[in-house]
Amino acid sequence: RPPNGGPPVAEIPIGLQNGVVSAAQI
């Protein structure tokens, strides 16, 4: 949840390396 209030927010790391798509290093 943001420190100043408001709705929850999910922050998901994503990547593409050597043709492999990943999210949260999965």
mmCIF file of all heavy atoms, coordinates in Angstrom:
data_MODEL
# 
_entry.id   MODEL 
# 
loop_
_atom_site.group_PDB 
_atom_site.id 
_atom_site.type_symbol 
_atom_site.label_atom_id 
_atom_site.label_alt_id 
_atom_site.label_comp_id 
_atom_site.label_asym_id 
_atom_site.label_entity_id 
_atom_site.label_seq_id 
_atom_site.pdbx_PDB_ins_code 
_atom_site.Cartn_x 
_atom_site.Cartn_y 
_atom_site.Cartn_z 
_atom_site.occupancy 
_atom_site.B_iso_or_equiv 
_atom_site.pdbx_formal_charge 
_atom_site.auth_seq_id 
_atom_site.auth_comp_id 
_atom_site.auth_asym_id 
_atom_site.auth_atom_id 
_atom_site.pdbx_PDB_model_num 
ATOM 1   N N   . ARG A 1 1  ? 0.857  -1.193  0.000   1.00 0.00 ? 1  ARG A N   1 
ATOM 2   C CA  . ARG A 1 1  ? 0.000  0.000   0.000   1.00 0.00 ? 1  ARG A CA  1 
ATOM 3   C C   . ARG A 1 1  ? 0.887  1.235   0.000   1.00 0.00 ? 1  ARG A C   1 
ATOM 4   O O   . ARG A 1 1  ? 1.871  1.297   0.721   1.00 0.00 ? 1  ARG A O   1 
ATOM 5   C CB  . ARG A 1 1  ? -0.924 0.017   1.219   1.00 0.00 ? 1  ARG A CB  1 
ATOM 6   C CG  . ARG A 1 1  ? -2.080 -0.971  1.112   1.00 0.00 ? 1  ARG A CG  1 
ATOM 7   C CD  . ARG A 1 1  ? -3.148 -0.701  2.156   1.00 0.00 ? 1  ARG A CD  1 
ATOM 8   N NE  . ARG A 1 1  ? -4.311 -1.563  1.956   1.00 0.00 ? 1  ARG A NE  1 
ATOM 9   C CZ  . ARG A 1 1  ? -5.329 -1.285  1.151   1.00 0.00 ? 1  ARG A CZ  1 
ATOM 10  N NH1 . ARG A 1 1  ? -5.332 -0.151  0.485   1.00 0.00 ? 1  ARG A NH1 1 
ATOM 11  N NH2 . ARG A 1 1  ? -6.339 -2.115  1.029   1.00 0.00 ? 1  ARG A NH2 1 
ATOM 12  N N   . PRO A 1 2  ? 0.552  2.236   -0.819  1.00 0.00 ? 2  PRO A N   1 
ATOM 13  C CA  . PRO A 1 2  ? 1.358  3.458   -0.867  1.00 0.00 ? 2  PRO A CA  1 
ATOM 14  C C   . PRO A 1 2  ? 1.436  4.117   0.505   1.00 0.00 ? 2  PRO A C   1 
ATOM 15  O O   . PRO A 1 2  ? 0.466  4.087   1.274   1.00 0.00 ? 2  PRO A O   1 
ATOM 16  C CB  . PRO A 1 2  ? 0.615  4.339   -1.873  1.00 0.00 ? 2  PRO A CB  1 
ATOM 17  C CG  . PRO A 1 2  ? -0.192 3.386   -2.698  1.00 0.00 ? 2  PRO A CG  1 
ATOM 18  C CD  . PRO A 1 2  ? -0.560 2.263   -1.783  1.00 0.00 ? 2  PRO A CD  1 
ATOM 19  N N   . PRO A 1 3  ? 2.588  4.726   0.851   1.00 0.00 ? 3  PRO A N   1 
ATOM 20  C CA  . PRO A 1 3  ? 2.739  5.368   2.163   1.00 0.00 ? 3  PRO A CA  1 
ATOM 21  C C   . PRO A 1 3  ? 1.723  6.478   2.401   1.00 0.00 ? 3  PRO A C   1 
ATOM 22  O O   . PRO A 1 3  ? 1.316  6.709   3.545   1.00 0.00 ? 3  PRO A O   1 
ATOM 23  C CB  . PRO A 1 3  ? 4.171  5.933   2.111   1.00 0.00 ? 3  PRO A CB  1 
ATOM 24  C CG  . PRO A 1 3  ? 4.873  5.147   1.058   1.00 0.00 ? 3  PRO A CG  1 
ATOM 25  C CD  . PRO A 1 3  ? 3.821  4.782   0.066   1.00 0.00 ? 3  PRO A CD  1 
ATOM 26  N N   . ASN A 1 4  ? 1.307  7.167   1.348   1.00 0.00 ? 4  ASN A N   1 
ATOM 27  C CA  . ASN A 1 4  ? 0.352  8.261   1.505   1.00 0.00 ? 4  ASN A CA  1 
ATOM 28  C C   . ASN A 1 4  ? -1.097 7.803   1.342   1.00 0.00 ? 4  ASN A C   1 
ATOM 29  O O   . ASN A 1 4  ? -1.994 8.609   1.154   1.00 0.00 ? 4  ASN A O   1 
ATOM 30  C CB  . ASN A 1 4  ? 0.658  9.376   0.507   1.00 0.00 ? 4  ASN A CB  1 
ATOM 31  C CG  . ASN A 1 4  ? 0.676  8.872   -0.930  1.00 0.00 ? 4  ASN A CG  1 
ATOM 32  O OD1 . ASN A 1 4  ? 0.617  7.670   -1.158  1.00 0.00 ? 4  ASN A OD1 1 
ATOM 33  N ND2 . ASN A 1 4  ? 0.758  9.789   -1.883  1.00 0.00 ? 4  ASN A ND2 1 
ATOM 34  N N   . GLY A 1 5  ? -1.324 6.503   1.404   1.00 0.00 ? 5  GLY A N   1 
ATOM 35  C CA  . GLY A 1 5  ? -2.667 5.975   1.285   1.00 0.00 ? 5  GLY A CA  1 
ATOM 36  C C   . GLY A 1 5  ? -3.035 5.652   -0.149  1.00 0.00 ? 5  GLY A C   1 
ATOM 37  O O   . GLY A 1 5  ? -2.250 5.857   -1.073  1.00 0.00 ? 5  GLY A O   1 
ATOM 38  N N   . GLY A 1 6  ? -4.217 5.115   -0.336  1.00 0.00 ? 6  GLY A N   1 
ATOM 39  C CA  . GLY A 1 6  ? -4.666 4.743   -1.670  1.00 0.00 ? 6  GLY A CA  1 
ATOM 40  C C   . GLY A 1 6  ? -4.751 3.241   -1.822  1.00 0.00 ? 6  GLY A C   1 
ATOM 41  O O   . GLY A 1 6  ? -4.411 2.468   -0.904  1.00 0.00 ? 6  GLY A O   1 
ATOM 42  N N   . PRO A 1 7  ? -5.188 2.761   -2.977  1.00 0.00 ? 7  PRO A N   1 
ATOM 43  C CA  . PRO A 1 7  ? -5.360 1.325   -3.203  1.00 0.00 ? 7  PRO A CA  1 
ATOM 44  C C   . PRO A 1 7  ? -4.018 0.601   -3.260  1.00 0.00 ? 7  PRO A C   1 
ATOM 45  O O   . PRO A 1 7  ? -2.972 1.211   -3.536  1.00 0.00 ? 7  PRO A O   1 
ATOM 46  C CB  . PRO A 1 7  ? -6.079 1.277   -4.558  1.00 0.00 ? 7  PRO A CB  1 
ATOM 47  C CG  . PRO A 1 7  ? -5.717 2.557   -5.226  1.00 0.00 ? 7  PRO A CG  1 
ATOM 48  C CD  . PRO A 1 7  ? -5.587 3.562   -4.133  1.00 0.00 ? 7  PRO A CD  1 
ATOM 49  N N   . PRO A 1 8  ? -4.020 -0.707  -3.011  1.00 0.00 ? 8  PRO A N   1 
ATOM 50  C CA  . PRO A 1 8  ? -2.771 -1.470  -3.062  1.00 0.00 ? 8  PRO A CA  1 
ATOM 51  C C   . PRO A 1 8  ? -2.206 -1.529  -4.479  1.00 0.00 ? 8  PRO A C   1 
ATOM 52  O O   . PRO A 1 8  ? -2.946 -1.494  -5.462  1.00 0.00 ? 8  PRO A O   1 
ATOM 53  C CB  . PRO A 1 8  ? -3.183 -2.854  -2.559  1.00 0.00 ? 8  PRO A CB  1 
ATOM 54  C CG  . PRO A 1 8  ? -4.652 -2.944  -2.843  1.00 0.00 ? 8  PRO A CG  1 
ATOM 55  C CD  . PRO A 1 8  ? -5.177 -1.552  -2.680  1.00 0.00 ? 8  PRO A CD  1 
ATOM 56  N N   . VAL A 1 9  ? -0.871 -1.643  -4.567  1.00 0.00 ? 9  VAL A N   1 
ATOM 57  C CA  . VAL A 1 9  ? -0.177 -1.697  -5.844  1.00 0.00 ? 9  VAL A CA  1 
ATOM 58  C C   . VAL A 1 9  ? 0.821  -2.843  -5.812  1.00 0.00 ? 9  VAL A C   1 
ATOM 59  O O   . VAL A 1 9  ? 1.621  -2.959  -4.879  1.00 0.00 ? 9  VAL A O   1 
ATOM 60  C CB  . VAL A 1 9  ? 0.559  -0.381  -6.154  1.00 0.00 ? 9  VAL A CB  1 
ATOM 61  C CG1 . VAL A 1 9  ? 1.314  -0.489  -7.479  1.00 0.00 ? 9  VAL A CG1 1 
ATOM 62  C CG2 . VAL A 1 9  ? -0.419 0.789   -6.192  1.00 0.00 ? 9  VAL A CG2 1 
ATOM 63  N N   . ALA A 1 10 ? 0.771  -3.702  -6.824  1.00 0.00 ? 10 ALA A N   1 
ATOM 64  C CA  . ALA A 1 10 ? 1.740  -4.789  -6.966  1.00 0.00 ? 10 ALA A CA  1 
ATOM 65  C C   . ALA A 1 10 ? 2.847  -4.351  -7.908  1.00 0.00 ? 10 ALA A C   1 
ATOM 66  O O   . ALA A 1 10 ? 2.568  -3.836  -8.999  1.00 0.00 ? 10 ALA A O   1 
ATOM 67  C CB  . ALA A 1 10 ? 1.063  -6.046  -7.496  1.00 0.00 ? 10 ALA A CB  1 
ATOM 68  N N   . GLU A 1 11 ? 4.104  -4.509  -7.497  1.00 0.00 ? 11 GLU A N   1 
ATOM 69  C CA  . GLU A 1 11 ? 5.269  -4.177  -8.318  1.00 0.00 ? 11 GLU A CA  1 
ATOM 70  C C   . GLU A 1 11 ? 5.956  -5.487  -8.700  1.00 0.00 ? 11 GLU A C   1 
ATOM 71  O O   . GLU A 1 11 ? 6.539  -6.165  -7.851  1.00 0.00 ? 11 GLU A O   1 
ATOM 72  C CB  . GLU A 1 11 ? 6.227  -3.266  -7.553  1.00 0.00 ? 11 GLU A CB  1 
ATOM 73  C CG  . GLU A 1 11 ? 5.628  -1.935  -7.139  1.00 0.00 ? 11 GLU A CG  1 
ATOM 74  C CD  . GLU A 1 11 ? 5.625  -0.931  -8.283  1.00 0.00 ? 11 GLU A CD  1 
ATOM 75  O OE1 . GLU A 1 11 ? 6.256  -1.222  -9.321  1.00 0.00 ? 11 GLU A OE1 1 
ATOM 76  O OE2 . GLU A 1 11 ? 4.990  0.125   -8.145  1.00 0.00 ? 11 GLU A OE2 1 
ATOM 77  N N   . ILE A 1 12 ? 5.885  -5.849  -9.981  1.00 0.00 ? 12 ILE A N   1 
ATOM 78  C CA  . ILE A 1 12 ? 6.358  -7.152  -10.455 1.00 0.00 ? 12 ILE A CA  1 
ATOM 79  C C   . ILE A 1 12 ? 7.540  -6.954  -11.396 1.00 0.00 ? 12 ILE A C   1 
ATOM 80  O O   . ILE A 1 12 ? 7.376  -6.401  -12.490 1.00 0.00 ? 12 ILE A O   1 
ATOM 81  C CB  . ILE A 1 12 ? 5.233  -7.915  -11.170 1.00 0.00 ? 12 ILE A CB  1 
ATOM 82  C CG1 . ILE A 1 12 ? 3.984  -7.995  -10.283 1.00 0.00 ? 12 ILE A CG1 1 
ATOM 83  C CG2 . ILE A 1 12 ? 5.700  -9.304  -11.582 1.00 0.00 ? 12 ILE A CG2 1 
ATOM 84  C CD1 . ILE A 1 12 ? 2.754  -8.501  -10.995 1.00 0.00 ? 12 ILE A CD1 1 
ATOM 85  N N   . PRO A 1 13 ? 8.743  -7.386  -11.008 1.00 0.00 ? 13 PRO A N   1 
ATOM 86  C CA  . PRO A 1 13 ? 9.881  -7.287  -11.942 1.00 0.00 ? 13 PRO A CA  1 
ATOM 87  C C   . PRO A 1 13 ? 9.673  -8.244  -13.130 1.00 0.00 ? 13 PRO A C   1 
ATOM 88  O O   . PRO A 1 13 ? 9.268  -9.394  -12.958 1.00 0.00 ? 13 PRO A O   1 
ATOM 89  C CB  . PRO A 1 13 ? 11.080 -7.732  -11.085 1.00 0.00 ? 13 PRO A CB  1 
ATOM 90  C CG  . PRO A 1 13 ? 10.619 -7.657  -9.675  1.00 0.00 ? 13 PRO A CG  1 
ATOM 91  C CD  . PRO A 1 13 ? 9.142  -7.914  -9.702  1.00 0.00 ? 13 PRO A CD  1 
ATOM 92  N N   . ILE A 1 14 ? 9.933  -7.760  -14.331 1.00 0.00 ? 14 ILE A N   1 
ATOM 93  C CA  . ILE A 1 14 ? 9.819  -8.595  -15.523 1.00 0.00 ? 14 ILE A CA  1 
ATOM 94  C C   . ILE A 1 14 ? 11.111 -8.493  -16.330 1.00 0.00 ? 14 ILE A C   1 
ATOM 95  O O   . ILE A 1 14 ? 11.890 -7.544  -16.178 1.00 0.00 ? 14 ILE A O   1 
ATOM 96  C CB  . ILE A 1 14 ? 8.615  -8.176  -16.397 1.00 0.00 ? 14 ILE A CB  1 
ATOM 97  C CG1 . ILE A 1 14 ? 8.803  -6.749  -16.912 1.00 0.00 ? 14 ILE A CG1 1 
ATOM 98  C CG2 . ILE A 1 14 ? 7.309  -8.325  -15.645 1.00 0.00 ? 14 ILE A CG2 1 
ATOM 99  C CD1 . ILE A 1 14 ? 7.798  -6.348  -17.965 1.00 0.00 ? 14 ILE A CD1 1 
ATOM 100 N N   . GLY A 1 15 ? 11.352 -9.488  -17.170 1.00 0.00 ? 15 GLY A N   1 
ATOM 101 C CA  . GLY A 1 15 ? 12.565 -9.469  -17.972 1.00 0.00 ? 15 GLY A CA  1 
ATOM 102 C C   . GLY A 1 15 ? 12.458 -10.353 -19.199 1.00 0.00 ? 15 GLY A C   1 
ATOM 103 O O   . GLY A 1 15 ? 11.577 -11.216 -19.295 1.00 0.00 ? 15 GLY A O   1 
ATOM 104 N N   . LEU A 1 16 ? 13.340 -10.109 -20.148 1.00 0.00 ? 16 LEU A N   1 
ATOM 105 C CA  . LEU A 1 16 ? 13.481 -10.939 -21.342 1.00 0.00 ? 16 LEU A CA  1 
ATOM 106 C C   . LEU A 1 16 ? 14.972 -11.061 -21.623 1.00 0.00 ? 16 LEU A C   1 
ATOM 107 O O   . LEU A 1 16 ? 15.635 -10.060 -21.896 1.00 0.00 ? 16 LEU A O   1 
ATOM 108 C CB  . LEU A 1 16 ? 12.754 -10.314 -22.535 1.00 0.00 ? 16 LEU A CB  1 
ATOM 109 C CG  . LEU A 1 16 ? 12.995 -10.971 -23.900 1.00 0.00 ? 16 LEU A CG  1 
ATOM 110 C CD1 . LEU A 1 16 ? 12.539 -12.422 -23.897 1.00 0.00 ? 16 LEU A CD1 1 
ATOM 111 C CD2 . LEU A 1 16 ? 12.288 -10.179 -25.004 1.00 0.00 ? 16 LEU A CD2 1 
ATOM 112 N N   . GLN A 1 17 ? 15.484 -12.263 -21.537 1.00 0.00 ? 17 GLN A N   1 
ATOM 113 C CA  . GLN A 1 17 ? 16.909 -12.500 -21.751 1.00 0.00 ? 17 GLN A CA  1 
ATOM 114 C C   . GLN A 1 17 ? 17.087 -13.834 -22.448 1.00 0.00 ? 17 GLN A C   1 
ATOM 115 O O   . GLN A 1 17 ? 16.526 -14.850 -22.022 1.00 0.00 ? 17 GLN A O   1 
ATOM 116 C CB  . GLN A 1 17 ? 17.659 -12.508 -20.409 1.00 0.00 ? 17 GLN A CB  1 
ATOM 117 C CG  . GLN A 1 17 ? 19.168 -12.449 -20.525 1.00 0.00 ? 17 GLN A CG  1 
ATOM 118 C CD  . GLN A 1 17 ? 19.677 -11.069 -20.943 1.00 0.00 ? 17 GLN A CD  1 
ATOM 119 O OE1 . GLN A 1 17 ? 19.079 -10.071 -20.602 1.00 0.00 ? 17 GLN A OE1 1 
ATOM 120 N NE2 . GLN A 1 17 ? 20.762 -11.036 -21.689 1.00 0.00 ? 17 GLN A NE2 1 
ATOM 121 N N   . ASN A 1 18 ? 17.849 -13.815 -23.563 1.00 0.00 ? 18 ASN A N   1 
ATOM 122 C CA  . ASN A 1 18 ? 18.082 -15.044 -24.336 1.00 0.00 ? 18 ASN A CA  1 
ATOM 123 C C   . ASN A 1 18 ? 16.772 -15.720 -24.743 1.00 0.00 ? 18 ASN A C   1 
ATOM 124 O O   . ASN A 1 18 ? 16.668 -16.953 -24.779 1.00 0.00 ? 18 ASN A O   1 
ATOM 125 C CB  . ASN A 1 18 ? 18.952 -16.017 -23.544 1.00 0.00 ? 18 ASN A CB  1 
ATOM 126 C CG  . ASN A 1 18 ? 20.331 -15.454 -23.254 1.00 0.00 ? 18 ASN A CG  1 
ATOM 127 O OD1 . ASN A 1 18 ? 20.914 -14.771 -24.094 1.00 0.00 ? 18 ASN A OD1 1 
ATOM 128 N ND2 . ASN A 1 18 ? 20.845 -15.720 -22.059 1.00 0.00 ? 18 ASN A ND2 1 
ATOM 129 N N   . GLY A 1 19 ? 15.756 -14.908 -25.015 1.00 0.00 ? 19 GLY A N   1 
ATOM 130 C CA  . GLY A 1 19 ? 14.480 -15.427 -25.474 1.00 0.00 ? 19 GLY A CA  1 
ATOM 131 C C   . GLY A 1 19 ? 13.551 -15.903 -24.383 1.00 0.00 ? 19 GLY A C   1 
ATOM 132 O O   . GLY A 1 19 ? 12.434 -16.341 -24.674 1.00 0.00 ? 19 GLY A O   1 
ATOM 133 N N   . VAL A 1 20 ? 13.981 -15.846 -23.107 1.00 0.00 ? 20 VAL A N   1 
ATOM 134 C CA  . VAL A 1 20 ? 13.163 -16.338 -21.995 1.00 0.00 ? 20 VAL A CA  1 
ATOM 135 C C   . VAL A 1 20 ? 12.479 -15.170 -21.295 1.00 0.00 ? 20 VAL A C   1 
ATOM 136 O O   . VAL A 1 20 ? 13.148 -14.225 -20.850 1.00 0.00 ? 20 VAL A O   1 
ATOM 137 C CB  . VAL A 1 20 ? 14.018 -17.126 -20.983 1.00 0.00 ? 20 VAL A CB  1 
ATOM 138 C CG1 . VAL A 1 20 ? 13.162 -17.578 -19.803 1.00 0.00 ? 20 VAL A CG1 1 
ATOM 139 C CG2 . VAL A 1 20 ? 14.659 -18.332 -21.652 1.00 0.00 ? 20 VAL A CG2 1 
ATOM 140 N N   . VAL A 1 21 ? 11.141 -15.224 -21.211 1.00 0.00 ? 21 VAL A N   1 
ATOM 141 C CA  . VAL A 1 21 ? 10.361 -14.208 -20.504 1.00 0.00 ? 21 VAL A CA  1 
ATOM 142 C C   . VAL A 1 21 ? 10.214 -14.635 -19.056 1.00 0.00 ? 21 VAL A C   1 
ATOM 143 O O   . VAL A 1 21 ? 9.852  -15.789 -18.766 1.00 0.00 ? 21 VAL A O   1 
ATOM 144 C CB  . VAL A 1 21 ? 8.971  -14.040 -21.138 1.00 0.00 ? 21 VAL A CB  1 
ATOM 145 C CG1 . VAL A 1 21 ? 8.166  -12.994 -20.383 1.00 0.00 ? 21 VAL A CG1 1 
ATOM 146 C CG2 . VAL A 1 21 ? 9.091  -13.668 -22.605 1.00 0.00 ? 21 VAL A CG2 1 
ATOM 147 N N   . SER A 1 22 ? 10.489 -13.707 -18.132 1.00 0.00 ? 22 SER A N   1 
ATOM 148 C CA  . SER A 1 22 ? 10.393 -14.027 -16.708 1.00 0.00 ? 22 SER A CA  1 
ATOM 149 C C   . SER A 1 22 ? 9.617  -12.945 -15.982 1.00 0.00 ? 22 SER A C   1 
ATOM 150 O O   . SER A 1 22 ? 9.563  -11.794 -16.417 1.00 0.00 ? 22 SER A O   1 
ATOM 151 C CB  . SER A 1 22 ? 11.787 -14.155 -16.094 1.00 0.00 ? 22 SER A CB  1 
ATOM 152 O OG  . SER A 1 22 ? 12.487 -12.925 -16.184 1.00 0.00 ? 22 SER A OG  1 
ATOM 153 N N   . ALA A 1 23 ? 8.994  -13.324 -14.862 1.00 0.00 ? 23 ALA A N   1 
ATOM 154 C CA  . ALA A 1 23 ? 8.311  -12.401 -13.964 1.00 0.00 ? 23 ALA A CA  1 
ATOM 155 C C   . ALA A 1 23 ? 8.718  -12.752 -12.548 1.00 0.00 ? 23 ALA A C   1 
ATOM 156 O O   . ALA A 1 23 ? 8.623  -13.925 -12.148 1.00 0.00 ? 23 ALA A O   1 
ATOM 157 C CB  . ALA A 1 23 ? 6.794  -12.495 -14.125 1.00 0.00 ? 23 ALA A CB  1 
ATOM 158 N N   . ALA A 1 24 ? 9.201  -11.759 -11.803 1.00 0.00 ? 24 ALA A N   1 
ATOM 159 C CA  . ALA A 1 24 ? 9.712  -11.987 -10.451 1.00 0.00 ? 24 ALA A CA  1 
ATOM 160 C C   . ALA A 1 24 ? 10.770 -13.086 -10.457 1.00 0.00 ? 24 ALA A C   1 
ATOM 161 O O   . ALA A 1 24 ? 10.802 -13.943 -9.571  1.00 0.00 ? 24 ALA A O   1 
ATOM 162 C CB  . ALA A 1 24 ? 8.582  -12.325 -9.489  1.00 0.00 ? 24 ALA A CB  1 
ATOM 163 N N   . GLN A 1 25 ? 11.616 -13.081 -11.508 1.00 0.00 ? 25 GLN A N   1 
ATOM 164 C CA  . GLN A 1 25 ? 12.725 -14.022 -11.699 1.00 0.00 ? 25 GLN A CA  1 
ATOM 165 C C   . GLN A 1 25 ? 12.256 -15.466 -11.909 1.00 0.00 ? 25 GLN A C   1 
ATOM 166 O O   . GLN A 1 25 ? 13.052 -16.397 -11.798 1.00 0.00 ? 25 GLN A O   1 
ATOM 167 C CB  . GLN A 1 25 ? 13.696 -13.946 -10.511 1.00 0.00 ? 25 GLN A CB  1 
ATOM 168 C CG  . GLN A 1 25 ? 14.323 -12.573 -10.335 1.00 0.00 ? 25 GLN A CG  1 
ATOM 169 C CD  . GLN A 1 25 ? 15.320 -12.523 -9.207  1.00 0.00 ? 25 GLN A CD  1 
ATOM 170 O OE1 . GLN A 1 25 ? 15.339 -13.380 -8.330  1.00 0.00 ? 25 GLN A OE1 1 
ATOM 171 N NE2 . GLN A 1 25 ? 16.160 -11.498 -9.223  1.00 0.00 ? 25 GLN A NE2 1 
ATOM 172 N N   . ILE A 1 26 ? 10.996 -15.657 -12.227 1.00 0.00 ? 26 ILE A N   1 
ATOM 173 C CA  . ILE A 1 26 ? 10.458 -16.987 -12.508 1.00 0.00 ? 26 ILE A CA  1 
ATOM 174 C C   . ILE A 1 26 ? 10.261 -17.107 -14.015 1.00 0.00 ? 26 ILE A C   1 
ATOM 175 O O   . ILE A 1 26 ? 9.511  -16.327 -14.615 1.00 0.00 ? 26 ILE A O   1 
ATOM 176 C CB  . ILE A 1 26 ? 9.111  -17.216 -11.790 1.00 0.00 ? 26 ILE A CB  1 
ATOM 177 C CG1 . ILE A 1 26 ? 9.296  -17.081 -10.281 1.00 0.00 ? 26 ILE A CG1 1 
ATOM 178 C CG2 . ILE A 1 26 ? 8.529  -18.576 -12.148 1.00 0.00 ? 26 ILE A CG2 1 
ATOM 179 C CD1 . ILE A 1 26 ? 7.995  -17.134 -9.511  1.00 0.00 ? 26 ILE A CD1 1 
# 
